[in-house]
Structure formats: C-alpha cells, structure tokens
Amino acid sequence: MHAYSVTDPVWFKLQQSEQETHEAKGVILGDFCIQCHSPIAALTNAITDHKNLTPEVISTLPPQIQEGVTCDVCHSTTHLPESTDIQTAEQNFETADFKLYLDGTRYSIIDDPQDNSFHKSEFHEGYDQSDFCRNCHNLTVNGMDAEVTNFEWEGTSFEAMGSECQTCHMPTYEGYAAEGGPLRENLHRHYFPGVGTSIVAGSENNGLLSAITEILDGSAEVNFFEPIADTVLSNESLKIKIIVSNNAGHHFPSGVTFTRQLWLEVNVSIDGDTIFQSGHLNENGDIYDFYTDPDRIVDPQLNVFNTVLYDAQGDSGIMNVSVEDMVWMNDYTLPVSGSRTVNYIIDLPTVPPEGGSSLDISARLRFRSFPPFLLRHINLNEEVDRLLIWDIDQISTSVVFQ
C-alpha cells in the first residue's frame, strides 16, 4: 500500500481539489500532499505544478518518484523523524521530516546483513520502533490532532508491552533476506496491511487481502451489553444495548478517520419478517448518515464510529471541511483499549401471532475506507464498485415474542 500512495485515484482527485480550493483563497499548499505520498518527489522539488498533477505526469518522472513510499524512502532513513505539524497562519504546509543517507547504504534491524552487489547494508536500531512512522502517521494542524495514529498508541498498554506499529503491520516470518544468506526468524512482511486496498481496475492484491483479513480479525468485537430476556412481550418496546470494544493498538478507525466508515448494522425480524433495521445500505451503497440523510429520517438510530471536522464557520463534514481548514473535531472512534456503548429502541407489533413467534436479533460491525458518495463526488463512479466492506465482528440471538 505504500507503493500505491502515488497511484491511488482518490488521492489524485482530492489532492487536485485541495490545491484548487486553497489557491482560490490565496493559499499555496505546495508539497503538502506529495511530501508523504512520494517523499523523493518532495525532497528533490520534482513537482512544481501541483494543481495539474495527474497519473500521466507522474509517469514521466523518475521511478523513485513513481514508486511512492518506496523501499529507498524507508531503508535510507538515518534518524527517527519528528511528527508533522502544519501552521496554517504561516502557510507552512511542507513540514514532513525526512532525513535520508545518499551514499547507497540501506538499513534495517538485521545486525549481520549479507554482503551483496546491489548495495551496502547496515544495522539501524530504529527500524522496529513506532516512532519511525510518525512523520507521515502523526499529522497535527496548528497543534490540533488530525491524523495521529502514533499519538493514539503512545502511553497505551501496547507500548508498555513492546507492541510497535511493525508488530502488527509488519509481522515476522522465517525465511531468507538475501540470496545465499542465512535462514532468519525475524524477517518482516512488507504488505503493511491496514484498511486500504487498491481500487484501480485490474489491481493484483498479491496476498494483501489475506493480510488485511488477518489483521482485522479480532481488531474489534461486538457484544450485547445487557442480556436480552428470553421472552419479549408485544406490549413492550424492545431495548437493545450493544458494546463495541477496540482491541487494536490505536483508535479504530485510525488515520484519516474523517473519511472512514465504521458502523453497526442491526436487524430485528419476527419469523423472518424484518421489523427494524439500522446501518443498512441504500441503492447507491451508502449508509443513511448525515451526508445521505441529514435530517436522520430513514435511519435515526444509526451509529457510525469516525470523526467529523469543523471549520471556523461551523461547517462540518468531508464535503465542506478539509484537514487544513479544521479548527475542531468531534471524535466518535473507538478509543484504544476502550469501547463505546450504544442503544436501540425497537417498536414491536402490538398483537403477536397465536402461540408465539421467534424474534431474531443480529448485529455486525462493518468497515470501509471511503463512503461511495465521496467517490461519486470526485467523479470516480466506476471505482465505487471496487470498494470493499469488511465485516469485523457479529452477534445474533433469538428470543420468544408473544
């Protein structure tokens, strides 16, 4: 996914939109987006016309730039970077901190690297530390949290136990790091599974989907917070309380949480006939959140676990506010080692069938990287069909309705 950082069609569209929007306000973003999506391009000042940056333009640049966050970007790093804080008043948007060796040496945590004819190899102790990732995965705006996965992890039990970003996102395996080298037990996978997948037509996942499935399995769980009575009466409202717990080493979701969708889908049926649903999709594949159903008429009890950005004018949401314009954020994500409890109230039929019926309740926690309406808004209509939804966890139960 690091290599995908500079071929992602969503990124190209949003980067261009932000450049145009800010230029209209007299603000020049410059390398703000490209500095993390292709650090070599930013370090070499290879791109001067950001507003018209397209895949076709990228394809004319050197391969080290086309490869996005390539092998060289990470394995030439000399010092653990600082977090990235942009200062909007000063229009200082190019603040990502990359320090790379230029002598051709490549670094890793292997302390006895195999000699080879491609490059010199040396040990570097920082390569298995979470702080290695923070220049791109810790973004603040005027000191306010925006995308702060590293901050979310700091001070948690995961840090105390020595569980770093690399522990989950670069799991170890046994194998050979170089041809002719020794068998090693501490090699790291480079899928970098998280929640992102390519939506480019014909993309090969090369094992990434399996890696994502593995890392998401158990990352959060859903349970009934209170037991539901074995029998529910027709003259009562059914009250359901569900607890959603986070098992990940950072908030869930994390990163660009304002574009993520993590939500609960709840269904209640009697003898197979649905009497209540929340978190279901409309004909366009969207949930009925405040973007699709601003008056909360269709799905008033919908629960979405993400963040919402606000600007100085009080506008909110990804359609109106970019991270550079945010002045505060509402955070509904699942906290580290924490949970959120939500309630549902379901009106039951007043007259049950004779002899009683089966009332079935099910809930599942679902996730996707982008809402379909956002892709349609930036004219990526074909890509909508390639958006994947991951079912993180689910529960169900049946009781007697009479």
Protein backbone atom coordinates (compact mmCIF):
# COMPACT_ATOMS: atom_id res chain seq x y z
CA MET A 1 0.00 0.00 0.00
CA HIS A 2 2.96 2.34 0.39
CA ALA A 3 3.72 1.86 -3.30
CA TYR A 4 0.04 2.61 -4.04
CA SER A 5 0.36 6.02 -2.34
CA VAL A 6 1.09 7.82 -5.59
CA THR A 7 -1.14 5.79 -7.93
CA ASP A 8 -4.33 5.98 -5.86
CA PRO A 9 -7.02 7.72 -7.97
CA VAL A 10 -8.77 9.04 -4.86
CA TRP A 11 -5.56 10.74 -3.75
CA PHE A 12 -5.03 12.36 -7.14
CA LYS A 13 -8.57 13.75 -7.21
CA LEU A 14 -8.52 15.04 -3.63
CA GLN A 15 -5.01 16.48 -3.99
CA GLN A 16 -6.06 18.44 -7.06
CA SER A 17 -9.28 19.61 -5.40
CA GLU A 18 -7.42 20.86 -2.31
CA GLN A 19 -4.85 22.66 -4.43
CA GLU A 20 -7.57 24.45 -6.40
CA THR A 21 -9.67 25.28 -3.34
CA HIS A 22 -6.76 26.75 -1.41
CA GLU A 23 -5.33 28.60 -4.39
CA ALA A 24 -8.71 30.35 -4.75
CA LYS A 25 -8.25 31.56 -1.17
CA GLY A 26 -4.71 32.73 -1.84
CA VAL A 27 -3.12 29.78 -0.05
CA ILE A 28 -0.42 27.71 -1.73
CA LEU A 29 -0.30 24.13 -0.40
CA GLY A 30 2.75 23.20 -2.45
CA ASP A 31 4.16 19.80 -1.49
CA PHE A 32 1.74 19.34 1.42
CA CYS A 33 0.24 16.16 -0.07
CA ILE A 34 3.16 14.84 -2.08
CA GLN A 35 5.66 15.04 0.79
CA CYS A 36 4.25 11.86 2.31
CA HIS A 37 2.85 10.22 -0.80
CA SER A 38 6.15 10.46 -2.69
CA PRO A 39 8.88 11.77 -0.36
CA ILE A 40 11.56 11.60 -3.07
CA ALA A 41 9.49 13.98 -5.21
CA ALA A 42 9.23 16.43 -2.33
CA LEU A 43 12.90 16.20 -1.35
CA THR A 44 14.02 16.82 -4.94
CA ASN A 45 11.41 19.51 -5.72
CA ALA A 46 10.48 17.48 -8.77
CA ILE A 47 6.87 18.73 -8.89
CA THR A 48 6.13 22.40 -9.40
CA ASP A 49 2.59 22.32 -10.80
CA HIS A 50 0.64 20.50 -8.09
CA LYS A 51 -2.76 21.66 -9.31
CA ASN A 52 -2.36 19.77 -12.57
CA LEU A 53 -0.63 16.73 -11.12
CA THR A 54 -2.04 13.61 -12.78
CA PRO A 55 -1.02 9.95 -13.15
CA GLU A 56 0.22 10.84 -16.63
CA VAL A 57 2.55 13.50 -15.19
CA ILE A 58 3.81 11.11 -12.52
CA SER A 59 4.58 8.52 -15.20
CA THR A 60 7.13 10.90 -16.79
CA LEU A 61 9.15 11.26 -13.57
CA PRO A 62 11.99 9.03 -12.32
CA PRO A 63 10.99 5.59 -10.99
CA GLN A 64 12.00 6.51 -7.44
CA ILE A 65 9.19 9.09 -7.53
CA GLN A 66 6.67 6.88 -9.31
CA GLU A 67 7.07 4.21 -6.64
CA GLY A 68 5.64 6.47 -3.92
CA VAL A 69 6.80 5.39 -0.48
CA THR A 70 9.35 3.07 -1.99
CA CYS A 71 11.96 0.77 -0.45
CA ASP A 72 14.58 3.52 -0.66
CA VAL A 73 12.47 6.01 1.30
CA CYS A 74 12.34 3.82 4.39
CA HIS A 75 15.60 1.92 4.13
CA SER A 76 17.71 5.04 3.57
CA THR A 77 16.36 6.82 6.64
CA THR A 78 19.04 7.88 9.09
CA HIS A 79 17.18 9.43 12.02
CA LEU A 80 13.81 8.82 13.63
CA PRO A 81 11.62 11.66 12.35
CA GLU A 82 9.52 14.15 14.24
CA SER A 83 5.76 14.38 13.91
CA THR A 84 4.37 16.67 11.22
CA ASP A 85 2.66 19.88 12.33
CA ILE A 86 1.44 22.32 9.71
CA GLN A 87 0.99 26.01 10.53
CA THR A 88 -1.83 27.50 8.52
CA ALA A 89 -1.32 31.12 9.57
CA GLU A 90 2.24 30.97 8.27
CA GLN A 91 1.16 28.88 5.27
CA ASN A 92 3.80 26.39 6.30
CA PHE A 93 2.49 23.15 4.83
CA GLU A 94 5.75 21.41 3.89
CA THR A 95 6.89 20.14 7.27
CA ALA A 96 7.34 16.37 6.95
CA ASP A 97 10.75 15.45 8.32
CA PHE A 98 12.75 13.08 6.12
CA LYS A 99 16.48 12.56 6.59
CA LEU A 100 17.99 10.10 4.12
CA TYR A 101 21.52 8.83 3.53
CA LEU A 102 22.62 9.37 -0.04
CA ASP A 103 25.61 7.05 -0.18
CA GLY A 104 23.64 4.00 -1.32
CA THR A 105 23.64 2.24 2.06
CA ARG A 106 20.40 0.51 3.05
CA TYR A 107 19.48 0.00 6.70
CA SER A 108 17.36 -2.46 8.67
CA ILE A 109 17.32 -4.26 12.02
CA ILE A 110 19.35 -7.21 10.70
CA ASP A 111 22.61 -6.92 12.64
CA ASP A 112 24.63 -9.22 10.34
CA PRO A 113 23.42 -8.33 6.82
CA GLN A 114 24.52 -10.43 3.87
CA ASP A 115 27.04 -8.79 1.57
CA ASN A 116 25.60 -8.27 -1.91
CA SER A 117 26.39 -6.48 -5.17
CA PHE A 118 23.32 -4.24 -5.09
CA HIS A 119 24.01 -2.00 -2.11
CA LYS A 120 25.85 -1.74 1.18
CA SER A 121 23.73 -2.98 4.12
CA GLU A 122 23.97 -1.89 7.75
CA PHE A 123 22.12 -2.32 11.04
CA HIS A 124 19.90 0.51 12.36
CA GLU A 125 18.14 0.13 15.69
CA GLY A 126 15.23 2.43 14.85
CA TYR A 127 13.61 0.32 12.18
CA ASP A 128 11.36 -1.66 14.50
CA GLN A 129 10.16 1.34 16.52
CA SER A 130 6.78 3.04 16.08
CA ASP A 131 8.43 6.45 16.06
CA PHE A 132 9.89 5.53 12.67
CA CYS A 133 6.40 6.02 11.20
CA ARG A 134 5.33 9.24 12.87
CA ASN A 135 6.34 11.83 10.27
CA CYS A 136 3.54 10.63 7.98
CA HIS A 137 1.26 8.98 10.53
CA ASN A 138 1.21 11.83 13.04
CA LEU A 139 -0.26 14.95 11.44
CA THR A 140 -1.39 17.90 13.51
CA VAL A 141 -2.80 21.22 12.31
CA ASN A 142 -1.72 24.19 14.41
CA GLY A 143 -1.07 21.68 17.17
CA MET A 144 -4.52 20.07 16.91
CA ASP A 145 -4.82 16.35 16.25
CA ALA A 146 -5.77 15.47 12.68
CA GLU A 147 -4.27 12.07 11.75
CA VAL A 148 -2.42 10.88 14.83
CA THR A 149 -2.11 7.11 14.89
CA ASN A 150 1.26 7.33 16.63
CA PHE A 151 -0.09 9.63 19.36
CA GLU A 152 -3.03 7.25 19.88
CA TRP A 153 -0.59 4.40 20.50
CA GLU A 154 1.73 6.31 22.85
CA GLY A 155 1.21 5.69 26.54
CA THR A 156 -1.00 2.64 26.00
CA SER A 157 -0.55 -0.88 27.29
CA PHE A 158 0.57 -1.82 23.77
CA GLU A 159 3.56 0.48 24.03
CA ALA A 160 4.26 -0.78 27.55
CA MET A 161 4.31 -4.38 26.30
CA GLY A 162 6.62 -3.52 23.40
CA SER A 163 3.98 -3.89 20.70
CA GLU A 164 5.08 -1.46 17.98
CA CYS A 165 3.44 -0.48 14.70
CA GLN A 166 5.67 -3.04 12.98
CA THR A 167 4.48 -5.81 15.29
CA CYS A 168 1.04 -5.91 13.65
CA HIS A 169 1.61 -4.21 10.31
CA MET A 170 4.90 -5.97 9.52
CA PRO A 171 4.58 -9.40 11.17
CA THR A 172 7.67 -11.58 11.27
CA TYR A 173 8.30 -14.81 9.40
CA GLU A 174 11.11 -17.27 8.81
CA GLY A 175 12.95 -17.07 5.54
CA TYR A 176 15.89 -15.65 3.59
CA ALA A 177 16.54 -11.92 3.41
CA ALA A 178 19.04 -12.30 0.58
CA GLU A 179 20.04 -14.98 -1.89
CA GLY A 180 22.79 -17.03 -0.34
CA GLY A 181 22.15 -15.59 3.09
CA PRO A 182 21.29 -17.49 6.28
CA LEU A 183 17.83 -18.65 7.32
CA ARG A 184 16.39 -15.97 9.59
CA GLU A 185 13.48 -15.98 12.03
CA ASN A 186 12.92 -12.23 12.28
CA LEU A 187 12.14 -11.13 8.73
CA HIS A 188 9.24 -8.71 8.33
CA ARG A 189 6.37 -8.89 5.86
CA HIS A 190 6.01 -5.75 3.75
CA TYR A 191 2.30 -5.89 2.90
CA PHE A 192 1.65 -3.15 5.50
CA PRO A 193 -1.94 -4.34 5.94
CA GLY A 194 -4.30 -1.82 7.44
CA VAL A 195 -7.66 -0.96 5.97
CA GLY A 196 -6.72 0.25 2.49
CA THR A 197 -6.90 -1.63 -0.79
CA SER A 198 -6.40 -0.61 -4.39
CA ILE A 199 -9.50 0.42 -6.33
CA VAL A 200 -7.61 0.63 -9.62
CA ALA A 201 -9.04 -1.68 -12.28
CA GLY A 202 -7.08 -4.89 -12.67
CA SER A 203 -5.03 -4.43 -9.49
CA GLU A 204 -3.36 -7.51 -8.09
CA ASN A 205 -3.57 -7.89 -4.35
CA ASN A 206 -0.60 -10.31 -4.08
CA GLY A 207 -1.66 -11.52 -0.67
CA LEU A 208 -2.68 -8.11 0.71
CA LEU A 209 -6.37 -9.01 1.12
CA SER A 210 -5.50 -12.06 3.18
CA ALA A 211 -3.17 -9.95 5.32
CA ILE A 212 -5.90 -7.36 5.89
CA THR A 213 -8.41 -10.05 6.80
CA GLU A 214 -5.95 -11.45 9.32
CA ILE A 215 -5.18 -8.12 10.96
CA LEU A 216 -8.84 -7.05 11.13
CA ASP A 217 -9.94 -10.35 12.63
CA GLY A 218 -10.26 -9.60 16.30
CA SER A 219 -9.37 -5.91 15.97
CA ALA A 220 -12.76 -5.05 17.47
CA GLU A 221 -15.65 -7.02 18.89
CA VAL A 222 -19.39 -6.62 19.35
CA ASN A 223 -21.39 -7.90 22.32
CA PHE A 224 -24.75 -7.39 23.93
CA PHE A 225 -24.00 -5.16 26.89
CA GLU A 226 -27.02 -6.48 28.77
CA PRO A 227 -28.69 -9.86 28.28
CA ILE A 228 -31.96 -9.84 26.39
CA ALA A 229 -34.89 -11.53 28.08
CA ASP A 230 -35.83 -14.98 26.80
CA THR A 231 -39.34 -13.73 26.13
CA VAL A 232 -40.39 -10.32 24.78
CA LEU A 233 -43.99 -9.18 25.14
CA SER A 234 -45.98 -7.43 22.46
CA ASN A 235 -46.98 -4.55 24.72
CA GLU A 236 -43.35 -3.56 25.38
CA SER A 237 -40.62 -1.80 23.40
CA LEU A 238 -37.52 -3.86 22.79
CA LYS A 239 -34.43 -2.15 24.17
CA ILE A 240 -31.06 -3.37 22.96
CA LYS A 241 -27.73 -2.18 24.35
CA ILE A 242 -24.61 -3.12 22.38
CA ILE A 243 -21.00 -2.59 23.38
CA VAL A 244 -18.33 -2.23 20.70
CA SER A 245 -14.80 -2.79 22.01
CA ASN A 246 -11.48 -1.89 20.41
CA ASN A 247 -8.63 -4.41 20.53
CA ALA A 248 -6.25 -2.52 18.22
CA GLY A 249 -3.17 -0.64 19.41
CA HIS A 250 -4.63 2.68 18.29
CA HIS A 251 -8.06 4.17 17.83
CA PHE A 252 -10.33 2.28 15.48
CA PRO A 253 -10.60 3.50 12.86
CA SER A 254 -7.37 5.47 12.76
CA GLY A 255 -5.59 7.70 10.25
CA VAL A 256 -7.91 9.72 8.02
CA THR A 257 -10.82 8.94 10.31
CA PHE A 258 -12.98 11.64 8.75
CA THR A 259 -13.23 9.62 5.52
CA ARG A 260 -13.53 6.20 7.18
CA GLN A 261 -16.83 4.44 7.77
CA LEU A 262 -17.08 2.04 10.72
CA TRP A 263 -20.67 1.37 11.60
CA LEU A 264 -23.10 -1.03 13.21
CA GLU A 265 -25.67 -2.84 11.12
CA VAL A 266 -28.57 -4.10 13.24
CA ASN A 267 -31.52 -6.20 12.08
CA VAL A 268 -34.55 -7.40 14.03
CA SER A 269 -37.07 -9.76 12.49
CA ILE A 270 -40.09 -11.78 13.56
CA ASP A 271 -40.45 -15.13 11.84
CA GLY A 272 -38.24 -13.88 9.04
CA ASP A 273 -40.04 -10.57 8.51
CA THR A 274 -37.86 -7.53 9.20
CA ILE A 275 -39.36 -5.07 11.67
CA PHE A 276 -36.26 -2.95 12.28
CA GLN A 277 -33.00 -2.22 10.51
CA SER A 278 -30.19 0.24 11.04
CA GLY A 279 -26.90 0.61 9.23
CA HIS A 280 -28.31 -0.81 6.01
CA LEU A 281 -27.26 0.43 2.56
CA ASN A 282 -29.36 2.37 0.07
CA GLU A 283 -29.48 1.70 -3.66
CA ASN A 284 -26.22 3.64 -4.11
CA GLY A 285 -24.41 1.63 -1.48
CA ASP A 286 -24.40 4.48 1.05
CA ILE A 287 -25.45 4.28 4.69
CA TYR A 288 -28.01 6.81 5.88
CA ASP A 289 -25.58 9.04 7.77
CA PHE A 290 -25.90 12.83 7.94
CA TYR A 291 -24.43 13.18 4.45
CA THR A 292 -27.11 11.00 2.87
CA ASP A 293 -29.95 11.63 5.34
CA PRO A 294 -29.18 14.97 7.06
CA ASP A 295 -32.49 15.04 8.93
CA ARG A 296 -31.99 11.46 10.21
CA ILE A 297 -35.41 10.39 8.94
CA VAL A 298 -34.63 6.99 7.40
CA ASP A 299 -32.16 5.67 9.99
CA PRO A 300 -32.36 7.86 13.13
CA GLN A 301 -30.61 5.28 15.32
CA LEU A 302 -27.57 4.80 13.07
CA ASN A 303 -24.23 4.54 14.89
CA VAL A 304 -21.06 5.46 12.99
CA PHE A 305 -17.63 5.45 14.64
CA ASN A 306 -15.50 8.07 12.90
CA THR A 307 -14.56 11.74 13.25
CA VAL A 308 -16.23 14.88 11.93
CA LEU A 309 -14.20 18.01 11.12
CA TYR A 310 -15.45 21.56 11.71
CA ASP A 311 -14.10 24.83 10.35
CA ALA A 312 -14.20 28.34 11.80
CA GLN A 313 -17.59 28.99 10.19
CA GLY A 314 -19.10 25.93 11.84
CA ASP A 315 -19.34 23.94 8.63
CA SER A 316 -18.73 20.24 9.09
CA GLY A 317 -18.02 17.04 7.23
CA ILE A 318 -15.71 15.93 4.46
CA MET A 319 -17.76 17.63 1.77
CA ASN A 320 -17.17 21.06 3.32
CA VAL A 321 -14.08 20.94 5.51
CA SER A 322 -10.55 19.73 4.75
CA VAL A 323 -7.96 18.90 7.36
CA GLU A 324 -6.12 22.15 6.62
CA ASP A 325 -9.27 24.14 7.49
CA MET A 326 -10.29 22.30 10.65
CA VAL A 327 -10.50 24.18 13.95
CA TRP A 328 -12.00 21.33 15.95
CA MET A 329 -13.07 17.73 15.58
CA ASN A 330 -15.79 15.54 17.06
CA ASP A 331 -14.31 12.12 17.75
CA TYR A 332 -16.63 9.10 17.73
CA THR A 333 -13.92 6.50 17.07
CA LEU A 334 -13.32 3.55 19.37
CA PRO A 335 -10.57 4.52 21.84
CA VAL A 336 -7.53 2.34 22.48
CA SER A 337 -8.37 -0.47 24.95
CA GLY A 338 -11.79 1.14 25.26
CA SER A 339 -15.31 0.80 23.96
CA ARG A 340 -18.49 2.61 23.09
CA THR A 341 -21.95 1.52 24.17
CA VAL A 342 -24.96 2.29 22.02
CA ASN A 343 -28.70 1.82 22.47
CA TYR A 344 -31.52 0.83 20.16
CA ILE A 345 -35.25 1.02 20.86
CA ILE A 346 -37.48 -1.08 18.61
CA ASP A 347 -41.25 -0.74 18.46
CA LEU A 348 -42.82 -4.20 18.41
CA PRO A 349 -46.13 -5.22 16.88
CA THR A 350 -48.95 -4.84 19.36
CA VAL A 351 -50.54 -8.19 18.55
CA PRO A 352 -48.29 -11.27 18.22
CA PRO A 353 -49.29 -14.36 16.22
CA GLU A 354 -51.07 -17.06 18.18
CA GLY A 355 -48.71 -19.40 20.00
CA GLY A 356 -45.75 -17.03 19.97
CA SER A 357 -43.08 -16.30 17.40
CA SER A 358 -39.33 -16.21 17.03
CA LEU A 359 -37.80 -12.76 17.33
CA ASP A 360 -34.30 -12.72 15.83
CA ILE A 361 -31.70 -10.03 16.54
CA SER A 362 -28.40 -9.67 14.71
CA ALA A 363 -25.68 -7.04 14.62
CA ARG A 364 -22.41 -6.75 12.77
CA LEU A 365 -19.63 -4.18 12.78
CA ARG A 366 -18.78 -3.13 9.23
CA PHE A 367 -15.94 -1.06 7.80
CA ARG A 368 -14.81 0.55 4.56
CA SER A 369 -12.17 3.12 3.70
CA PHE A 370 -14.40 5.61 1.86
CA PRO A 371 -18.11 6.32 1.54
CA PRO A 372 -19.37 5.76 -2.02
CA PHE A 373 -20.85 9.26 -2.20
CA LEU A 374 -17.36 10.75 -1.83
CA LEU A 375 -16.03 8.78 -4.80
CA ARG A 376 -19.02 9.79 -6.90
CA HIS A 377 -18.49 13.42 -5.87
CA ILE A 378 -14.96 13.35 -7.31
CA ASN A 379 -16.13 11.54 -10.46
CA LEU A 380 -14.80 8.08 -9.61
CA ASN A 381 -18.05 6.31 -10.38
CA GLU A 382 -16.52 3.09 -11.69
CA GLU A 383 -14.28 2.81 -8.63
CA VAL A 384 -17.30 2.72 -6.30
CA ASP A 385 -17.95 -0.89 -7.25
CA ARG A 386 -14.40 -1.81 -6.15
CA LEU A 387 -14.84 -0.53 -2.60
CA LEU A 388 -14.63 -3.41 -0.18
CA ILE A 389 -16.65 -3.73 3.02
CA TRP A 390 -15.04 -5.69 5.85
CA ASP A 391 -17.21 -7.35 8.47
CA ILE A 392 -15.18 -7.09 11.67
CA ASP A 393 -17.43 -8.96 14.11
CA GLN A 394 -21.06 -10.01 14.52
CA ILE A 395 -23.52 -11.31 17.09
CA SER A 396 -27.02 -12.75 16.99
CA THR A 397 -29.66 -14.16 19.29
CA SER A 398 -33.26 -15.38 19.18
CA VAL A 399 -35.99 -14.89 21.77
CA VAL A 400 -39.70 -15.69 22.03
CA PHE A 401 -42.15 -12.96 21.03
CA GLN A 402 -45.63 -13.30 22.45
